[in-house]
Amino acid sequence: MSNLMKNRHIDQIIMCCIYSICKVCDNEVKRNSETEIKFKSIVNKYKNLAHAKQEIFKNVYIDDSKSDSVIAFYNTVFTVNMKEYILNFYPNRNVRQQLSPMPKQSPSYCLNGRKNFLISPLKESFKTPSSPGQMTPSTRLLYCFGDTVGSSEKLKGINETVKKFVPTGAKKRLNMDDLEMTSPSKAKKSLL
């Protein structure tokens, strides 16, 4: 029901959902906590949240001419629109509406004892083209560590390619270790 979201805060809808599910599953809640959940207790817990503002639970849009508390919104608008759907969650009810499907679990996993170390399988393994004619300029420069077939030739090729791009111009640094500082004329001659 998208019209329930119109001019309302998501927290208002969440509080109503929590309360309505607690009401539907009333026997389960009472059995586990021995107390009945009241809407006021949900609102009080919400007040303790860091982002909570009073207008979120005290000033809820009911219709074009009226605003009221979140409890009044629950009684007049929310239950009217959501009653049939929420009753699907009744524990002993045989007919259940199709809920959102569970998302597929990721095949990724963390190694035990290692923080921030995630193992993720490749979707498709990288396959090197068999002939150099099928390779693009960028794939020719790729190197796969642990590749045994022609790995030394590939490394030599990469090194030669890198050397081509290294400037081999004149060096602009003086080597002062070779100069004897005894006479300035010898130093001038060695520089020329």
N, C-alpha and C. Protein backbone atom coordinates (compact mmCIF):
# COMPACT_ATOMS: atom_id res chain seq x y z
N MET A 1 0.83 -1.18 0.00
CA MET A 1 0.00 0.00 0.00
C MET A 1 0.88 1.25 0.00
N SER A 2 1.15 1.77 -1.16
CA SER A 2 2.03 2.93 -1.26
C SER A 2 1.38 4.20 -0.71
N ASN A 3 0.04 4.26 -0.66
CA ASN A 3 -0.60 5.46 -0.11
C ASN A 3 -0.35 5.60 1.39
N LEU A 4 0.03 4.53 2.07
CA LEU A 4 0.38 4.63 3.49
C LEU A 4 1.67 5.43 3.69
N MET A 5 2.52 5.44 2.69
CA MET A 5 3.80 6.15 2.80
C MET A 5 3.65 7.65 2.53
N LYS A 6 2.57 8.05 1.90
CA LYS A 6 2.39 9.45 1.50
C LYS A 6 2.35 10.37 2.73
N ASN A 7 3.25 11.34 2.75
CA ASN A 7 3.36 12.35 3.82
C ASN A 7 3.63 11.75 5.20
N ARG A 8 4.24 10.59 5.22
CA ARG A 8 4.53 9.95 6.51
C ARG A 8 6.00 9.53 6.58
N HIS A 9 6.49 9.45 7.80
CA HIS A 9 7.86 9.03 8.06
C HIS A 9 7.90 7.51 8.11
N ILE A 10 8.98 6.93 7.63
CA ILE A 10 9.11 5.46 7.62
C ILE A 10 9.05 4.89 9.04
N ASP A 11 9.54 5.64 10.02
CA ASP A 11 9.51 5.17 11.40
C ASP A 11 8.08 5.00 11.91
N GLN A 12 7.16 5.82 11.43
CA GLN A 12 5.75 5.69 11.82
C GLN A 12 5.19 4.36 11.32
N ILE A 13 5.53 4.02 10.09
CA ILE A 13 5.06 2.76 9.51
C ILE A 13 5.70 1.57 10.23
N ILE A 14 6.97 1.69 10.55
CA ILE A 14 7.67 0.60 11.24
C ILE A 14 7.08 0.35 12.62
N MET A 15 6.79 1.42 13.37
CA MET A 15 6.17 1.25 14.69
C MET A 15 4.82 0.55 14.58
N CYS A 16 4.03 0.93 13.58
CA CYS A 16 2.72 0.29 13.37
C CYS A 16 2.89 -1.18 12.99
N CYS A 17 3.87 -1.49 12.16
CA CYS A 17 4.12 -2.88 11.77
C CYS A 17 4.54 -3.73 12.96
N ILE A 18 5.41 -3.20 13.78
CA ILE A 18 5.87 -3.94 14.97
C ILE A 18 4.69 -4.25 15.88
N TYR A 19 3.87 -3.23 16.14
CA TYR A 19 2.73 -3.43 17.03
C TYR A 19 1.72 -4.42 16.44
N SER A 20 1.44 -4.29 15.16
CA SER A 20 0.44 -5.17 14.55
C SER A 20 0.90 -6.63 14.54
N ILE A 21 2.17 -6.87 14.28
CA ILE A 21 2.69 -8.24 14.32
C ILE A 21 2.66 -8.78 15.74
N CYS A 22 2.95 -7.93 16.72
CA CYS A 22 2.86 -8.36 18.12
C CYS A 22 1.42 -8.72 18.48
N LYS A 23 0.45 -7.97 17.98
CA LYS A 23 -0.96 -8.26 18.25
C LYS A 23 -1.37 -9.59 17.61
N VAL A 24 -0.94 -9.81 16.38
CA VAL A 24 -1.30 -11.05 15.67
C VAL A 24 -0.66 -12.25 16.35
N CYS A 25 0.56 -12.10 16.77
CA CYS A 25 1.30 -13.18 17.43
C CYS A 25 1.23 -13.03 18.94
N ASP A 26 0.11 -12.54 19.44
CA ASP A 26 -0.06 -12.20 20.86
C ASP A 26 0.27 -13.37 21.78
N ASN A 27 -0.19 -14.57 21.47
CA ASN A 27 0.08 -15.72 22.32
C ASN A 27 1.57 -16.02 22.41
N GLU A 28 2.27 -15.90 21.27
CA GLU A 28 3.71 -16.15 21.25
C GLU A 28 4.45 -15.12 22.10
N VAL A 29 4.05 -13.86 21.99
CA VAL A 29 4.72 -12.79 22.72
C VAL A 29 4.48 -12.96 24.21
N LYS A 30 3.24 -13.25 24.60
CA LYS A 30 2.94 -13.43 26.03
C LYS A 30 3.68 -14.62 26.62
N ARG A 31 3.78 -15.69 25.83
CA ARG A 31 4.46 -16.89 26.32
C ARG A 31 5.94 -16.61 26.58
N ASN A 32 6.56 -15.82 25.73
CA ASN A 32 8.00 -15.56 25.87
C ASN A 32 8.32 -14.45 26.86
N SER A 33 7.47 -13.43 26.98
CA SER A 33 7.82 -12.31 27.84
C SER A 33 6.88 -12.12 29.02
N GLU A 34 5.76 -12.83 29.02
CA GLU A 34 4.75 -12.77 30.07
C GLU A 34 4.15 -11.38 30.25
N THR A 35 4.37 -10.48 29.33
CA THR A 35 3.73 -9.17 29.37
C THR A 35 3.17 -8.86 28.00
N GLU A 36 2.08 -8.10 28.01
CA GLU A 36 1.48 -7.71 26.74
C GLU A 36 2.22 -6.49 26.19
N ILE A 37 2.49 -6.51 24.91
CA ILE A 37 3.15 -5.37 24.28
C ILE A 37 2.11 -4.29 24.02
N LYS A 38 2.38 -3.09 24.46
CA LYS A 38 1.47 -1.97 24.23
C LYS A 38 2.13 -1.00 23.26
N PHE A 39 1.29 -0.33 22.48
CA PHE A 39 1.82 0.62 21.51
C PHE A 39 2.63 1.71 22.21
N LYS A 40 2.16 2.10 23.38
CA LYS A 40 2.84 3.15 24.14
C LYS A 40 4.28 2.73 24.49
N SER A 41 4.48 1.43 24.78
CA SER A 41 5.84 0.97 25.10
C SER A 41 6.74 1.02 23.86
N ILE A 42 6.17 0.76 22.68
CA ILE A 42 6.95 0.87 21.44
C ILE A 42 7.34 2.32 21.20
N VAL A 43 6.39 3.24 21.42
CA VAL A 43 6.68 4.67 21.26
C VAL A 43 7.73 5.12 22.27
N ASN A 44 7.65 4.63 23.50
CA ASN A 44 8.65 4.99 24.52
C ASN A 44 10.04 4.49 24.14
N LYS A 45 10.13 3.30 23.59
CA LYS A 45 11.43 2.79 23.12
C LYS A 45 11.95 3.64 21.96
N TYR A 46 11.03 4.05 21.09
CA TYR A 46 11.43 4.89 19.95
C TYR A 46 11.98 6.24 20.43
N LYS A 47 11.40 6.79 21.50
CA LYS A 47 11.86 8.08 22.04
C LYS A 47 13.32 8.02 22.44
N ASN A 48 13.80 6.86 22.84
CA ASN A 48 15.18 6.71 23.31
C ASN A 48 16.20 6.63 22.18
N LEU A 49 15.74 6.49 20.94
CA LEU A 49 16.66 6.43 19.82
C LEU A 49 17.28 7.80 19.57
N ALA A 50 18.49 7.81 19.06
CA ALA A 50 19.23 9.06 18.85
C ALA A 50 18.57 9.97 17.83
N HIS A 51 17.97 9.41 16.81
CA HIS A 51 17.40 10.22 15.74
C HIS A 51 15.92 10.57 15.96
N ALA A 52 15.33 10.14 17.07
CA ALA A 52 13.90 10.32 17.31
C ALA A 52 13.54 11.79 17.53
N LYS A 53 12.43 12.19 16.92
CA LYS A 53 11.88 13.54 17.10
C LYS A 53 10.43 13.39 17.52
N GLN A 54 9.95 14.29 18.37
CA GLN A 54 8.58 14.19 18.88
C GLN A 54 7.54 14.26 17.78
N GLU A 55 7.79 15.09 16.76
CA GLU A 55 6.76 15.23 15.72
C GLU A 55 6.54 13.94 14.94
N ILE A 56 7.50 13.02 14.98
CA ILE A 56 7.34 11.76 14.26
C ILE A 56 6.24 10.90 14.88
N PHE A 57 6.12 10.90 16.20
CA PHE A 57 5.07 10.08 16.82
C PHE A 57 3.89 10.89 17.34
N LYS A 58 4.02 12.22 17.41
CA LYS A 58 2.91 13.05 17.89
C LYS A 58 2.12 13.72 16.77
N ASN A 59 2.72 13.89 15.62
CA ASN A 59 2.08 14.64 14.54
C ASN A 59 2.14 13.82 13.25
N VAL A 60 1.21 12.87 13.11
CA VAL A 60 1.19 11.96 11.96
C VAL A 60 0.04 12.37 11.04
N TYR A 61 0.33 12.40 9.76
CA TYR A 61 -0.68 12.75 8.75
C TYR A 61 -1.77 11.67 8.72
N ILE A 62 -3.02 12.10 8.94
CA ILE A 62 -4.16 11.18 8.86
C ILE A 62 -4.86 11.35 7.52
N ASP A 63 -5.27 12.57 7.22
CA ASP A 63 -5.82 12.91 5.91
C ASP A 63 -5.53 14.39 5.66
N ASP A 64 -6.10 14.94 4.58
CA ASP A 64 -5.77 16.32 4.20
C ASP A 64 -6.11 17.35 5.27
N SER A 65 -7.06 17.05 6.14
CA SER A 65 -7.48 18.04 7.13
C SER A 65 -7.06 17.70 8.55
N LYS A 66 -6.42 16.56 8.75
CA LYS A 66 -6.18 16.12 10.13
C LYS A 66 -4.81 15.47 10.30
N SER A 67 -4.19 15.79 11.43
CA SER A 67 -2.98 15.11 11.89
C SER A 67 -3.21 14.71 13.34
N ASP A 68 -2.64 13.58 13.73
CA ASP A 68 -2.85 13.09 15.09
C ASP A 68 -1.65 12.25 15.50
N SER A 69 -1.75 11.55 16.62
CA SER A 69 -0.64 10.73 17.10
C SER A 69 -0.50 9.47 16.26
N VAL A 70 0.62 8.80 16.44
CA VAL A 70 0.88 7.57 15.70
C VAL A 70 -0.11 6.47 16.10
N ILE A 71 -0.59 6.50 17.34
CA ILE A 71 -1.57 5.51 17.79
C ILE A 71 -2.91 5.74 17.08
N ALA A 72 -3.31 6.99 16.93
CA ALA A 72 -4.54 7.30 16.20
C ALA A 72 -4.40 6.91 14.73
N PHE A 73 -3.22 7.14 14.15
CA PHE A 73 -2.96 6.73 12.77
C PHE A 73 -3.10 5.21 12.64
N TYR A 74 -2.56 4.49 13.60
CA TYR A 74 -2.65 3.03 13.58
C TYR A 74 -4.12 2.58 13.59
N ASN A 75 -4.91 3.17 14.48
CA ASN A 75 -6.31 2.75 14.63
C ASN A 75 -7.19 3.15 13.46
N THR A 76 -6.97 4.32 12.88
CA THR A 76 -7.88 4.82 11.84
C THR A 76 -7.44 4.51 10.42
N VAL A 77 -6.15 4.47 10.16
CA VAL A 77 -5.67 4.32 8.78
C VAL A 77 -4.94 2.99 8.57
N PHE A 78 -3.96 2.72 9.40
CA PHE A 78 -3.09 1.56 9.18
C PHE A 78 -3.86 0.24 9.23
N THR A 79 -4.64 0.02 10.30
CA THR A 79 -5.35 -1.26 10.42
C THR A 79 -6.38 -1.45 9.32
N VAL A 80 -7.03 -0.37 8.89
CA VAL A 80 -8.02 -0.47 7.82
C VAL A 80 -7.37 -0.95 6.53
N ASN A 81 -6.19 -0.45 6.22
CA ASN A 81 -5.50 -0.79 4.98
C ASN A 81 -4.70 -2.09 5.05
N MET A 82 -4.21 -2.45 6.20
CA MET A 82 -3.26 -3.56 6.30
C MET A 82 -3.78 -4.80 7.03
N LYS A 83 -5.01 -4.78 7.50
CA LYS A 83 -5.53 -5.87 8.33
C LYS A 83 -5.43 -7.23 7.64
N GLU A 84 -5.89 -7.33 6.41
CA GLU A 84 -5.86 -8.63 5.70
C GLU A 84 -4.43 -9.14 5.54
N TYR A 85 -3.54 -8.26 5.18
CA TYR A 85 -2.15 -8.68 4.98
C TYR A 85 -1.52 -9.14 6.29
N ILE A 86 -1.74 -8.40 7.35
CA ILE A 86 -1.12 -8.72 8.64
C ILE A 86 -1.67 -10.02 9.21
N LEU A 87 -2.94 -10.32 8.95
CA LEU A 87 -3.51 -11.57 9.45
C LEU A 87 -2.84 -12.80 8.82
N ASN A 88 -2.16 -12.62 7.72
CA ASN A 88 -1.41 -13.73 7.11
C ASN A 88 -0.27 -14.21 8.00
N PHE A 89 0.12 -13.40 8.96
CA PHE A 89 1.22 -13.75 9.85
C PHE A 89 0.74 -14.46 11.12
N TYR A 90 -0.56 -14.68 11.22
CA TYR A 90 -1.11 -15.38 12.38
C TYR A 90 -0.48 -16.77 12.43
N PRO A 91 0.08 -17.18 13.57
CA PRO A 91 0.87 -18.42 13.63
C PRO A 91 0.13 -19.69 13.22
N ASN A 92 -1.15 -19.84 13.57
CA ASN A 92 -1.86 -21.09 13.28
C ASN A 92 -2.66 -21.03 11.99
N ARG A 93 -2.50 -20.01 11.22
CA ARG A 93 -3.25 -19.88 9.98
C ARG A 93 -2.58 -20.73 8.90
N ASN A 94 -3.38 -21.51 8.18
CA ASN A 94 -2.83 -22.41 7.17
C ASN A 94 -2.45 -21.69 5.89
N VAL A 95 -3.22 -20.68 5.50
CA VAL A 95 -2.97 -19.98 4.25
C VAL A 95 -2.01 -18.83 4.52
N ARG A 96 -0.92 -18.85 3.83
CA ARG A 96 0.06 -17.77 3.98
C ARG A 96 0.28 -17.11 2.64
N GLN A 97 0.32 -15.81 2.68
CA GLN A 97 0.58 -15.06 1.45
C GLN A 97 2.06 -15.18 1.12
N GLN A 98 2.37 -15.17 -0.18
CA GLN A 98 3.76 -15.24 -0.60
C GLN A 98 4.50 -14.00 -0.10
N LEU A 99 5.47 -14.20 0.73
CA LEU A 99 6.27 -13.10 1.25
C LEU A 99 7.41 -12.84 0.29
N SER A 100 8.19 -11.84 0.58
CA SER A 100 9.36 -11.57 -0.25
C SER A 100 10.28 -12.77 -0.20
N PRO A 101 10.83 -13.18 -1.34
CA PRO A 101 11.72 -14.35 -1.32
C PRO A 101 13.02 -14.02 -0.61
N MET A 102 13.59 -15.06 -0.02
CA MET A 102 14.88 -14.87 0.65
C MET A 102 15.94 -14.61 -0.42
N PRO A 103 16.81 -13.65 -0.19
CA PRO A 103 17.87 -13.41 -1.17
C PRO A 103 18.86 -14.56 -1.16
N LYS A 104 19.49 -14.78 -2.31
CA LYS A 104 20.50 -15.83 -2.40
C LYS A 104 21.68 -15.46 -1.52
N GLN A 105 22.19 -16.46 -0.83
CA GLN A 105 23.36 -16.20 0.01
C GLN A 105 24.59 -16.06 -0.86
N SER A 106 25.45 -15.18 -0.44
CA SER A 106 26.67 -14.95 -1.18
C SER A 106 27.62 -16.14 -1.00
N PRO A 107 28.31 -16.55 -2.05
CA PRO A 107 29.29 -17.62 -1.90
C PRO A 107 30.57 -17.14 -1.22
N SER A 108 30.65 -15.84 -0.96
CA SER A 108 31.82 -15.28 -0.29
C SER A 108 31.82 -15.69 1.18
N TYR A 109 33.01 -15.83 1.75
CA TYR A 109 33.11 -16.16 3.15
C TYR A 109 34.39 -15.56 3.72
N CYS A 110 34.42 -15.39 5.04
CA CYS A 110 35.59 -14.84 5.71
C CYS A 110 36.41 -15.99 6.30
N LEU A 111 37.72 -15.80 6.32
CA LEU A 111 38.59 -16.78 6.96
C LEU A 111 38.52 -16.59 8.46
N ASN A 112 38.51 -17.70 9.20
CA ASN A 112 38.45 -17.62 10.65
C ASN A 112 39.70 -16.94 11.21
N GLY A 113 39.50 -16.06 12.14
CA GLY A 113 40.61 -15.40 12.81
C GLY A 113 41.25 -14.27 12.03
N ARG A 114 40.72 -13.93 10.86
CA ARG A 114 41.31 -12.85 10.07
C ARG A 114 40.24 -11.82 9.78
N LYS A 115 40.45 -10.61 10.25
CA LYS A 115 39.50 -9.53 10.00
C LYS A 115 39.67 -9.01 8.59
N ASN A 116 38.58 -8.63 8.00
CA ASN A 116 38.56 -7.98 6.68
C ASN A 116 39.26 -8.80 5.59
N PHE A 117 39.19 -10.11 5.69
CA PHE A 117 39.78 -10.97 4.67
C PHE A 117 38.66 -11.82 4.11
N LEU A 118 38.19 -11.46 2.93
CA LEU A 118 37.02 -12.09 2.33
C LEU A 118 37.43 -12.93 1.13
N ILE A 119 36.99 -14.17 1.09
CA ILE A 119 37.25 -15.06 -0.04
C ILE A 119 36.01 -15.03 -0.92
N SER A 120 36.20 -14.72 -2.18
CA SER A 120 35.08 -14.64 -3.11
C SER A 120 35.44 -15.40 -4.38
N PRO A 121 34.63 -16.38 -4.77
CA PRO A 121 34.95 -17.12 -6.00
C PRO A 121 34.72 -16.25 -7.23
N LEU A 122 35.52 -16.51 -8.25
CA LEU A 122 35.35 -15.77 -9.51
C LEU A 122 34.09 -16.25 -10.21
N LYS A 123 33.40 -15.32 -10.86
CA LYS A 123 32.22 -15.70 -11.61
C LYS A 123 32.63 -16.48 -12.85
N GLU A 124 33.65 -16.02 -13.55
CA GLU A 124 34.20 -16.73 -14.70
C GLU A 124 35.71 -16.69 -14.56
N SER A 125 36.33 -17.81 -14.81
CA SER A 125 37.78 -17.80 -14.71
C SER A 125 38.37 -17.08 -15.92
N PHE A 126 39.50 -16.41 -15.70
CA PHE A 126 40.16 -15.67 -16.77
C PHE A 126 40.85 -16.67 -17.69
N LYS A 127 40.57 -16.59 -18.97
CA LYS A 127 41.20 -17.49 -19.94
C LYS A 127 42.05 -16.65 -20.88
N THR A 128 43.34 -16.95 -20.91
CA THR A 128 44.24 -16.24 -21.80
C THR A 128 44.00 -16.70 -23.23
N PRO A 129 43.89 -15.78 -24.19
CA PRO A 129 43.74 -16.19 -25.59
C PRO A 129 44.95 -17.02 -26.01
N SER A 130 44.70 -18.00 -26.87
CA SER A 130 45.76 -18.94 -27.23
C SER A 130 46.81 -18.34 -28.14
N SER A 131 46.44 -17.45 -29.04
CA SER A 131 47.44 -16.89 -29.95
C SER A 131 47.57 -15.39 -29.74
N PRO A 132 48.77 -14.85 -29.99
CA PRO A 132 48.96 -13.40 -29.81
C PRO A 132 48.07 -12.57 -30.73
N GLY A 133 47.63 -13.13 -31.85
CA GLY A 133 46.75 -12.40 -32.76
C GLY A 133 45.39 -12.11 -32.15
N GLN A 134 44.96 -12.94 -31.19
CA GLN A 134 43.67 -12.74 -30.54
C GLN A 134 43.76 -11.77 -29.37
N MET A 135 44.96 -11.39 -28.99
CA MET A 135 45.13 -10.52 -27.83
C MET A 135 45.03 -9.06 -28.22
N THR A 136 44.48 -8.28 -27.33
CA THR A 136 44.44 -6.83 -27.52
C THR A 136 45.73 -6.26 -26.96
N PRO A 137 46.05 -5.00 -27.25
CA PRO A 137 47.28 -4.43 -26.70
C PRO A 137 47.33 -4.47 -25.17
N SER A 138 46.19 -4.29 -24.52
CA SER A 138 46.23 -4.31 -23.06
C SER A 138 46.38 -5.73 -22.51
N THR A 139 45.80 -6.74 -23.17
CA THR A 139 45.95 -8.10 -22.66
C THR A 139 47.33 -8.67 -22.94
N ARG A 140 48.04 -8.11 -23.89
CA ARG A 140 49.41 -8.57 -24.14
C ARG A 140 50.32 -8.21 -22.97
N LEU A 141 49.97 -7.15 -22.24
CA LEU A 141 50.80 -6.70 -21.13
C LEU A 141 50.43 -7.37 -19.81
N LEU A 142 49.42 -8.24 -19.81
CA LEU A 142 49.01 -8.90 -18.58
C LEU A 142 49.95 -10.04 -18.24
N TYR A 143 50.11 -10.27 -16.95
CA TYR A 143 50.92 -11.39 -16.49
C TYR A 143 50.18 -12.09 -15.37
N CYS A 144 50.10 -13.38 -15.43
CA CYS A 144 49.40 -14.17 -14.42
C CYS A 144 50.45 -14.86 -13.55
N PHE A 145 50.56 -14.45 -12.28
CA PHE A 145 51.52 -15.07 -11.38
C PHE A 145 51.13 -16.52 -11.14
N GLY A 146 52.09 -17.38 -11.18
CA GLY A 146 51.84 -18.80 -11.01
C GLY A 146 51.61 -19.51 -12.33
N ASP A 147 51.60 -18.77 -13.43
CA ASP A 147 51.43 -19.37 -14.76
C ASP A 147 52.76 -20.00 -15.15
N THR A 148 52.76 -21.27 -15.48
CA THR A 148 54.02 -21.96 -15.74
C THR A 148 54.42 -21.96 -17.20
N VAL A 149 53.47 -21.93 -18.11
CA VAL A 149 53.79 -22.02 -19.54
C VAL A 149 54.34 -20.68 -20.01
N GLY A 150 55.63 -20.65 -20.32
CA GLY A 150 56.24 -19.45 -20.88
C GLY A 150 56.27 -18.26 -19.95
N SER A 151 56.27 -18.49 -18.65
CA SER A 151 56.21 -17.36 -17.73
C SER A 151 57.47 -16.51 -17.77
N SER A 152 58.64 -17.12 -17.94
CA SER A 152 59.87 -16.33 -17.98
C SER A 152 59.92 -15.49 -19.26
N GLU A 153 59.41 -16.04 -20.37
CA GLU A 153 59.38 -15.26 -21.61
C GLU A 153 58.43 -14.08 -21.48
N LYS A 154 57.31 -14.31 -20.81
CA LYS A 154 56.34 -13.22 -20.62
C LYS A 154 56.95 -12.11 -19.77
N LEU A 155 57.67 -12.49 -18.70
CA LEU A 155 58.30 -11.49 -17.84
C LEU A 155 59.36 -10.70 -18.60
N LYS A 156 60.15 -11.39 -19.43
CA LYS A 156 61.16 -10.69 -20.23
C LYS A 156 60.49 -9.71 -21.19
N GLY A 157 59.40 -10.13 -21.79
CA GLY A 157 58.66 -9.25 -22.71
C GLY A 157 58.11 -8.03 -22.00
N ILE A 158 57.59 -8.23 -20.80
CA ILE A 158 57.07 -7.10 -20.03
C ILE A 158 58.20 -6.15 -19.65
N ASN A 159 59.33 -6.70 -19.22
CA ASN A 159 60.48 -5.86 -18.86
C ASN A 159 60.98 -5.05 -20.05
N GLU A 160 61.04 -5.66 -21.22
CA GLU A 160 61.47 -4.94 -22.42
C GLU A 160 60.50 -3.82 -22.76
N THR A 161 59.22 -4.08 -22.62
CA THR A 161 58.20 -3.06 -22.90
C THR A 161 58.33 -1.89 -21.94
N VAL A 162 58.57 -2.19 -20.67
CA VAL A 162 58.71 -1.12 -19.67
C VAL A 162 59.96 -0.31 -19.95
N LYS A 163 61.06 -0.98 -20.34
CA LYS A 163 62.31 -0.27 -20.62
C LYS A 163 62.16 0.69 -21.79
N LYS A 164 61.29 0.37 -22.74
CA LYS A 164 61.08 1.26 -23.89
C LYS A 164 60.53 2.61 -23.46
N PHE A 165 59.74 2.61 -22.41
CA PHE A 165 59.09 3.84 -21.98
C PHE A 165 59.89 4.62 -20.95
N VAL A 166 61.00 4.06 -20.46
CA VAL A 166 61.85 4.76 -19.50
C VAL A 166 62.76 5.70 -20.28
N PRO A 167 62.75 7.00 -19.97
CA PRO A 167 63.61 7.94 -20.70
C PRO A 167 65.08 7.64 -20.44
N THR A 168 65.86 7.62 -21.51
CA THR A 168 67.29 7.34 -21.39
C THR A 168 68.11 8.57 -21.74
N GLY A 169 67.58 9.74 -21.52
CA GLY A 169 68.27 10.99 -21.84
C GLY A 169 69.44 11.24 -20.91
N ALA A 170 70.04 12.41 -21.06
CA ALA A 170 71.20 12.78 -20.26
C ALA A 170 70.81 12.90 -18.80
N LYS A 171 71.73 12.47 -17.97
CA LYS A 171 71.49 12.59 -16.54
C LYS A 171 71.87 14.00 -16.12
N LYS A 172 71.12 14.55 -15.23
CA LYS A 172 71.36 15.93 -14.81
C LYS A 172 71.92 15.98 -13.40
N ARG A 173 72.65 14.96 -13.02
CA ARG A 173 73.22 14.93 -11.69
C ARG A 173 74.73 14.79 -11.82
N LEU A 174 75.43 15.53 -11.04
CA LEU A 174 76.89 15.44 -11.03
C LEU A 174 77.32 14.38 -10.04
N ASN A 175 78.28 13.59 -10.46
CA ASN A 175 78.84 12.59 -9.57
C ASN A 175 80.08 13.20 -8.94
N MET A 176 79.97 13.63 -7.71
CA MET A 176 81.06 14.33 -7.03
C MET A 176 82.04 13.37 -6.37
N ASP A 177 81.74 12.09 -6.36
CA ASP A 177 82.63 11.13 -5.72
C ASP A 177 83.94 10.96 -6.49
N ASP A 178 83.90 11.11 -7.82
CA ASP A 178 85.08 10.89 -8.64
C ASP A 178 86.01 12.09 -8.67
N LEU A 179 85.57 13.23 -8.23
CA LEU A 179 86.39 14.45 -8.32
C LEU A 179 87.29 14.59 -7.10
N GLU A 180 88.51 15.01 -7.38
CA GLU A 180 89.41 15.34 -6.29
C GLU A 180 89.29 16.83 -6.05
N MET A 181 89.08 17.24 -4.88
CA MET A 181 88.85 18.64 -4.59
C MET A 181 90.14 19.40 -4.28
N THR A 182 91.28 18.85 -4.66
CA THR A 182 92.54 19.52 -4.36
C THR A 182 92.76 20.74 -5.24
N SER A 183 92.44 20.63 -6.51
CA SER A 183 92.66 21.79 -7.37
C SER A 183 91.39 22.08 -8.17
N PRO A 184 90.96 23.34 -8.20
CA PRO A 184 89.75 23.71 -8.93
C PRO A 184 89.90 23.51 -10.44
N SER A 185 91.11 23.61 -10.98
CA SER A 185 91.27 23.44 -12.43
C SER A 185 91.01 22.00 -12.84
N LYS A 186 91.43 21.01 -12.03
CA LYS A 186 91.16 19.61 -12.33
C LYS A 186 89.66 19.34 -12.29
N ALA A 187 88.98 19.96 -11.36
CA ALA A 187 87.53 19.77 -11.26
C ALA A 187 86.84 20.33 -12.49
N LYS A 188 87.32 21.49 -13.00
CA LYS A 188 86.73 22.08 -14.20
C LYS A 188 86.93 21.18 -15.40
N LYS A 189 88.14 20.63 -15.54
CA LYS A 189 88.44 19.78 -16.68
C LYS A 189 87.61 18.50 -16.65
N SER A 190 87.40 17.93 -15.48
CA SER A 190 86.64 16.69 -15.41
C SER A 190 85.16 16.92 -15.68
N LEU A 191 84.68 18.12 -15.42
CA LEU A 191 83.29 18.43 -15.71
C LEU A 191 83.07 18.66 -17.19
N LEU A 192 84.08 19.10 -17.89
CA LEU A 192 83.96 19.39 -19.32
C LEU A 192 84.24 18.16 -20.08
